[in-house]
C-alpha atoms as a PDB file:
ATOM      1  CA  UNK A   1      -0.023   0.051   0.047  1.00  0.00           C
ATOM      2  CA  UNK A   2       1.318   3.467  -0.958  1.00  0.00           C
ATOM      3  CA  UNK A   3       0.186   5.262   2.147  1.00  0.00           C
ATOM      4  CA  UNK A   4       0.960   8.748   0.875  1.00  0.00           C
ATOM      5  CA  UNK A   5      -0.984   8.192  -2.348  1.00  0.00           C
ATOM      6  CA  UNK A   6      -3.836   6.412  -0.557  1.00  0.00           C
ATOM      7  CA  UNK A   7      -4.193   9.108   1.998  1.00  0.00           C
ATOM      8  CA  UNK A   8      -4.056  11.835  -0.624  1.00  0.00           C
ATOM      9  CA  UNK A   9      -6.800  10.141  -2.616  1.00  0.00           C
ATOM     10  CA  UNK A  10      -9.038   9.707   0.418  1.00  0.00           C
ATOM     11  CA  UNK A  11      -8.473  13.299   1.676  1.00  0.00           C
ATOM     12  CA  UNK A  12      -9.082  14.706  -1.794  1.00  0.00           C
ATOM     13  CA  UNK A  13     -12.719  13.358  -1.862  1.00  0.00           C
ATOM     14  CA  UNK A  14     -13.516  13.829   1.808  1.00  0.00           C
ATOM     15  CA  UNK A  15     -16.306  16.507   1.965  1.00  0.00           C
ATOM     16  CA  UNK A  16     -16.371  17.291   5.676  1.00  0.00           C
ATOM     17  CA  UNK A  17     -14.041  19.418   7.742  1.00  0.00           C
ATOM     18  CA  UNK A  18     -10.640  17.780   8.354  1.00  0.00           C
ATOM     19  CA  UNK A  19     -11.059  18.682  12.083  1.00  0.00           C
ATOM     20  CA  UNK A  20     -14.507  17.174  12.414  1.00  0.00           C
ATOM     21  CA  UNK A  21     -15.472  14.311  14.741  1.00  0.00           C
ATOM     22  CA  UNK A  22     -15.436  11.786  11.915  1.00  0.00           C
ATOM     23  CA  UNK A  23     -12.246  13.122  10.168  1.00  0.00           C
ATOM     24  CA  UNK A  24      -8.598  12.185  10.163  1.00  0.00           C
ATOM     25  CA  UNK A  25      -7.948  12.509  13.917  1.00  0.00           C
ATOM     26  CA  UNK A  26     -10.709   9.868  14.494  1.00  0.00           C
ATOM     27  CA  UNK A  27      -9.298   7.703  11.758  1.00  0.00           C
ATOM     28  CA  UNK A  28      -5.819   7.891  13.374  1.00  0.00           C
ATOM     29  CA  UNK A  29      -7.162   6.933  16.844  1.00  0.00           C
ATOM     30  CA  UNK A  30      -9.177   4.078  15.257  1.00  0.00           C
ATOM     31  CA  UNK A  31      -5.910   2.954  13.636  1.00  0.00           C
ATOM     32  CA  UNK A  32      -3.974   2.971  16.867  1.00  0.00           C
ATOM     33  CA  UNK A  33      -6.869   1.211  18.711  1.00  0.00           C
ATOM     34  CA  UNK A  34      -6.992  -1.495  16.039  1.00  0.00           C
ATOM     35  CA  UNK A  35      -3.207  -1.979  15.985  1.00  0.00           C
ATOM     36  CA  UNK A  36      -3.236  -2.325  19.779  1.00  0.00           C
ATOM     37  CA  UNK A  37      -6.030  -4.937  19.495  1.00  0.00           C
ATOM     38  CA  UNK A  38      -4.722  -6.895  16.408  1.00  0.00           C
ATOM     39  CA  UNK A  39      -2.044  -8.914  18.200  1.00  0.00           C
ATOM     40  CA  UNK A  40      -4.419  -9.697  21.017  1.00  0.00           C
ATOM     41  CA  UNK A  41      -7.230 -10.875  18.705  1.00  0.00           C
ATOM     42  CA  UNK A  42      -5.278 -12.300  15.770  1.00  0.00           C
ATOM     43  CA  UNK A  43      -6.698  -9.690  13.335  1.00  0.00           C
ATOM     44  CA  UNK A  44      -4.982  -8.812  10.083  1.00  0.00           C
ATOM     45  CA  UNK A  45      -3.175  -5.493  10.791  1.00  0.00           C
ATOM     46  CA  UNK A  46      -3.144  -4.421   7.190  1.00  0.00           C
ATOM     47  CA  UNK A  47      -6.956  -4.718   6.959  1.00  0.00           C
ATOM     48  CA  UNK A  48      -7.280  -2.890  10.243  1.00  0.00           C
ATOM     49  CA  UNK A  49      -5.138  -0.013   8.986  1.00  0.00           C
ATOM     50  CA  UNK A  50      -7.108   0.231   5.785  1.00  0.00           C
ATOM     51  CA  UNK A  51     -10.411   0.167   7.637  1.00  0.00           C
ATOM     52  CA  UNK A  52      -9.310   3.059   9.913  1.00  0.00           C
ATOM     53  CA  UNK A  53      -8.586   5.273   6.843  1.00  0.00           C
ATOM     54  CA  UNK A  54     -11.711   4.288   4.860  1.00  0.00           C
ATOM     55  CA  UNK A  55     -14.592   3.497   7.206  1.00  0.00           C
ATOM     56  CA  UNK A  56     -15.843   7.137   7.577  1.00  0.00           C
ATOM     57  CA  UNK A  57     -14.268   8.560   4.483  1.00  0.00           C
ATOM     58  CA  UNK A  58     -17.516   8.755   2.556  1.00  0.00           C
ATOM     59  CA  UNK A  59     -19.559  10.563   5.217  1.00  0.00           C
ATOM     60  CA  UNK A  60     -21.599  13.531   3.870  1.00  0.00           C
ATOM     61  CA  UNK A  61     -22.626  14.785   7.377  1.00  0.00           C
ATOM     62  CA  UNK A  62     -21.301  14.713  10.899  1.00  0.00           C
ATOM     63  CA  UNK A  63     -24.850  13.530  11.959  1.00  0.00           C
ATOM     64  CA  UNK A  64     -26.522  10.314  11.136  1.00  0.00           C
ATOM     65  CA  UNK A  65     -25.485   9.080   7.665  1.00  0.00           C
ATOM     66  CA  UNK A  66     -26.912   5.693   6.873  1.00  0.00           C
ATOM     67  CA  UNK A  67     -25.059   5.116   3.639  1.00  0.00           C
ATOM     68  CA  UNK A  68     -21.505   6.092   4.525  1.00  0.00           C
ATOM     69  CA  UNK A  69     -20.366   2.544   5.487  1.00  0.00           C
ATOM     70  CA  UNK A  70     -21.561   0.839   2.222  1.00  0.00           C
ATOM     71  CA  UNK A  71     -20.301   3.958   0.317  1.00  0.00           C
ATOM     72  CA  UNK A  72     -16.833   3.628   1.932  1.00  0.00           C
ATOM     73  CA  UNK A  73     -16.802  -0.140   0.995  1.00  0.00           C
ATOM     74  CA  UNK A  74     -17.625   0.770  -2.625  1.00  0.00           C
ATOM     75  CA  UNK A  75     -14.938   3.524  -2.569  1.00  0.00           C
ATOM     76  CA  UNK A  76     -12.475   0.906  -1.479  1.00  0.00           C
ATOM     77  CA  UNK A  77     -13.429  -1.081  -4.602  1.00  0.00           C
ATOM     78  CA  UNK A  78     -12.426   1.843  -6.771  1.00  0.00           C
ATOM     79  CA  UNK A  79      -8.998   1.982  -5.122  1.00  0.00           C
ATOM     80  CA  UNK A  80      -8.333  -1.697  -5.274  1.00  0.00           C
ATOM     81  CA  UNK A  81      -5.484  -2.800  -7.466  1.00  0.00           C
ATOM     82  CA  UNK A  82      -3.862   0.558  -7.576  1.00  0.00           C
ATOM     83  CA  UNK A  83      -3.873   1.969  -4.009  1.00  0.00           C
ATOM     84  CA  UNK A  84      -5.189  -1.023  -2.131  1.00  0.00           C
ATOM     85  CA  UNK A  85      -3.279  -4.292  -2.685  1.00  0.00           C
ATOM     86  CA  UNK A  86      -5.172  -7.123  -0.997  1.00  0.00           C
ATOM     87  CA  UNK A  87      -6.005 -10.603  -2.127  1.00  0.00           C
ATOM     88  CA  UNK A  88      -9.731 -11.433  -2.414  1.00  0.00           C
ATOM     89  CA  UNK A  89     -10.272 -12.920   1.077  1.00  0.00           C
ATOM     90  CA  UNK A  90      -8.584  -9.962   2.825  1.00  0.00           C
ATOM     91  CA  UNK A  91     -10.378  -7.428   0.598  1.00  0.00           C
ATOM     92  CA  UNK A  92     -13.647  -9.128   1.429  1.00  0.00           C
ATOM     93  CA  UNK A  93     -12.894  -8.575   5.132  1.00  0.00           C
ATOM     94  CA  UNK A  94     -12.161  -4.859   4.500  1.00  0.00           C
ATOM     95  CA  UNK A  95     -15.306  -4.430   2.465  1.00  0.00           C
ATOM     96  CA  UNK A  96     -17.514  -6.090   5.008  1.00  0.00           C
ATOM     97  CA  UNK A  97     -15.941  -4.208   7.922  1.00  0.00           C
ATOM     98  CA  UNK A  98     -16.565  -0.806   6.221  1.00  0.00           C
ATOM     99  CA  UNK A  99     -20.009  -1.681   4.854  1.00  0.00           C
ATOM    100  CA  UNK A 100     -21.442  -2.802   8.194  1.00  0.00           C
ATOM    101  CA  UNK A 101     -19.462  -0.885  10.847  1.00  0.00           C
ATOM    102  CA  UNK A 102     -22.564   1.082  11.985  1.00  0.00           C
ATOM    103  CA  UNK A 103     -24.963  -1.843  12.061  1.00  0.00           C
ATOM    104  CA  UNK A 104     -24.288  -2.681  15.692  1.00  0.00           C
ATOM    105  CA  UNK A 105     -23.385  -6.292  14.950  1.00  0.00           C
ATOM    106  CA  UNK A 106     -20.831  -8.132  17.127  1.00  0.00           C
ATOM    107  CA  UNK A 107     -20.563 -11.416  15.314  1.00  0.00           C
ATOM    108  CA  UNK A 108     -18.111 -11.669  12.453  1.00  0.00           C
ATOM    109  CA  UNK A 109     -14.643 -12.690  11.465  1.00  0.00           C
ATOM    110  CA  UNK A 110     -12.140 -11.646  14.128  1.00  0.00           C
ATOM    111  CA  UNK A 111     -10.513  -9.097  11.810  1.00  0.00           C
ATOM    112  CA  UNK A 112     -13.905  -7.466  11.164  1.00  0.00           C
ATOM    113  CA  UNK A 113     -14.652  -7.510  14.879  1.00  0.00           C
ATOM    114  CA  UNK A 114     -11.351  -5.855  15.675  1.00  0.00           C
ATOM    115  CA  UNK A 115     -12.116  -3.073  13.082  1.00  0.00           C
ATOM    116  CA  UNK A 116     -15.521  -2.477  14.628  1.00  0.00           C
ATOM    117  CA  UNK A 117     -14.113  -2.546  18.155  1.00  0.00           C
ATOM    118  CA  UNK A 118     -11.356  -0.099  17.116  1.00  0.00           C
ATOM    119  CA  UNK A 119     -14.082   2.360  15.862  1.00  0.00           C
ATOM    120  CA  UNK A 120     -16.365   1.832  18.867  1.00  0.00           C
ATOM    121  CA  UNK A 121     -13.519   2.469  21.281  1.00  0.00           C
ATOM    122  CA  UNK A 122     -13.367   6.042  19.972  1.00  0.00           C
ATOM    123  CA  UNK A 123     -17.026   6.885  20.771  1.00  0.00           C
ATOM    124  CA  UNK A 124     -15.819   9.174  23.627  1.00  0.00           C
ATOM    125  CA  UNK A 125     -15.168  11.886  21.042  1.00  0.00           C
ATOM    126  CA  UNK A 126     -18.973  12.281  20.747  1.00  0.00           C
ATOM    127  CA  UNK A 127     -19.721  11.828  24.384  1.00  0.00           C
ATOM    128  CA  UNK A 128     -20.431   8.093  24.484  1.00  0.00           C
ATOM    129  CA  UNK A 129     -18.502   5.730  26.711  1.00  0.00           C
ATOM    130  CA  UNK A 130     -18.142   2.364  24.961  1.00  0.00           C
ATOM    131  CA  UNK A 131     -20.448  -0.344  26.265  1.00  0.00           C
ATOM    132  CA  UNK A 132     -18.613  -3.596  26.799  1.00  0.00           C
ATOM    133  CA  UNK A 133     -21.702  -5.488  25.673  1.00  0.00           C
ATOM    134  CA  UNK A 134     -21.553  -3.760  22.323  1.00  0.00           C
ATOM    135  CA  UNK A 135     -17.825  -4.575  21.746  1.00  0.00           C
ATOM    136  CA  UNK A 136     -16.988  -7.689  19.838  1.00  0.00           C
ATOM    137  CA  UNK A 137     -13.813  -9.047  21.306  1.00  0.00           C
ATOM    138  CA  UNK A 138     -12.749  -9.920  24.832  1.00  0.00           C
ATOM    139  CA  UNK A 139      -9.709  -7.793  24.405  1.00  0.00           C
ATOM    140  CA  UNK A 140     -11.678  -4.697  23.634  1.00  0.00           C
ATOM    141  CA  UNK A 141     -14.002  -5.271  26.690  1.00  0.00           C
ATOM    142  CA  UNK A 142     -11.124  -4.798  29.081  1.00  0.00           C
ATOM    143  CA  UNK A 143     -12.055  -1.935  31.406  1.00  0.00           C
ATOM    144  CA  UNK A 144      -8.581  -0.457  31.405  1.00  0.00           C
ATOM    145  CA  UNK A 145      -8.489  -0.419  27.564  1.00  0.00           C
ATOM    146  CA  UNK A 146     -11.886   1.284  27.447  1.00  0.00           C
ATOM    147  CA  UNK A 147     -10.787   3.853  29.933  1.00  0.00           C
ATOM    148  CA  UNK A 148      -7.530   4.496  27.921  1.00  0.00           C
ATOM    149  CA  UNK A 149      -9.321   4.803  24.651  1.00  0.00           C
ATOM    150  CA  UNK A 150     -12.094   6.973  26.031  1.00  0.00           C
ATOM    151  CA  UNK A 151      -9.590   9.385  27.620  1.00  0.00           C
ATOM    152  CA  UNK A 152      -7.796   9.734  24.290  1.00  0.00           C
ATOM    153  CA  UNK A 153     -11.105  10.267  22.454  1.00  0.00           C
ATOM    154  CA  UNK A 154     -12.436  12.725  24.888  1.00  0.00           C
ATOM    155  CA  UNK A 155      -9.237  14.758  25.069  1.00  0.00           C
ATOM    156  CA  UNK A 156      -8.906  14.918  21.248  1.00  0.00           C
ATOM    157  CA  UNK A 157      -5.631  13.047  21.282  1.00  0.00           C
ATOM    158  CA  UNK A 158      -3.961  13.267  17.908  1.00  0.00           C
ATOM    159  CA  UNK A 159      -1.916  10.234  16.911  1.00  0.00           C
ATOM    160  CA  UNK A 160       1.556  10.727  15.400  1.00  0.00           C
ATOM    161  CA  UNK A 161       0.446   9.332  12.050  1.00  0.00           C
ATOM    162  CA  UNK A 162      -1.917  12.256  11.714  1.00  0.00           C
ATOM    163  CA  UNK A 163       1.043  14.582  10.916  1.00  0.00           C
ATOM    164  CA  UNK A 164       2.093  12.296   8.146  1.00  0.00           C
ATOM    165  CA  UNK A 165      -1.463  12.034   6.778  1.00  0.00           C
ATOM    166  CA  UNK A 166      -2.118  15.805   6.863  1.00  0.00           C
ATOM    167  CA  UNK A 167       1.265  16.711   5.409  1.00  0.00           C
ATOM    168  CA  UNK A 168       2.069  13.936   2.999  1.00  0.00           C
ATOM    169  CA  UNK A 169       5.415  14.253   1.254  1.00  0.00           C
ATOM    170  CA  UNK A 170       6.910  16.763   3.758  1.00  0.00           C
END
């Protein structure tokens, strides 16, 4: 994956403010949450990283946006082969994770579950403490992890990768 080209392509079509609650700072925290969880759950870290970048990339509003998950999955299809290099089974995981990340499901492949948990652990940014019963994996239901992720979300923590994403090529 060419991360600079991929991030540039995603940012170029993102219609919402870059500093909004569903923008790059959120994507970066989701990425870190997912990469923390992946070794604990056995999830595919490459799929987790791609999910973090893509899952909210097709939002058209900061409010309820029913179609943004399926739209993000379809957007990933347009990037496949050029900017996203995954074999069919791994791409199917990414597609499903993006398409259904707001459905509230908890049963899926462990990589999809890890993606969904990584996103749900960042709900503190909108004033919601993650409910362990709505998290998919045992690792994500750990009370210390929930507290850590919630504090980062509430405080507006900005992951180091965000600098690279917002200033690609510097």
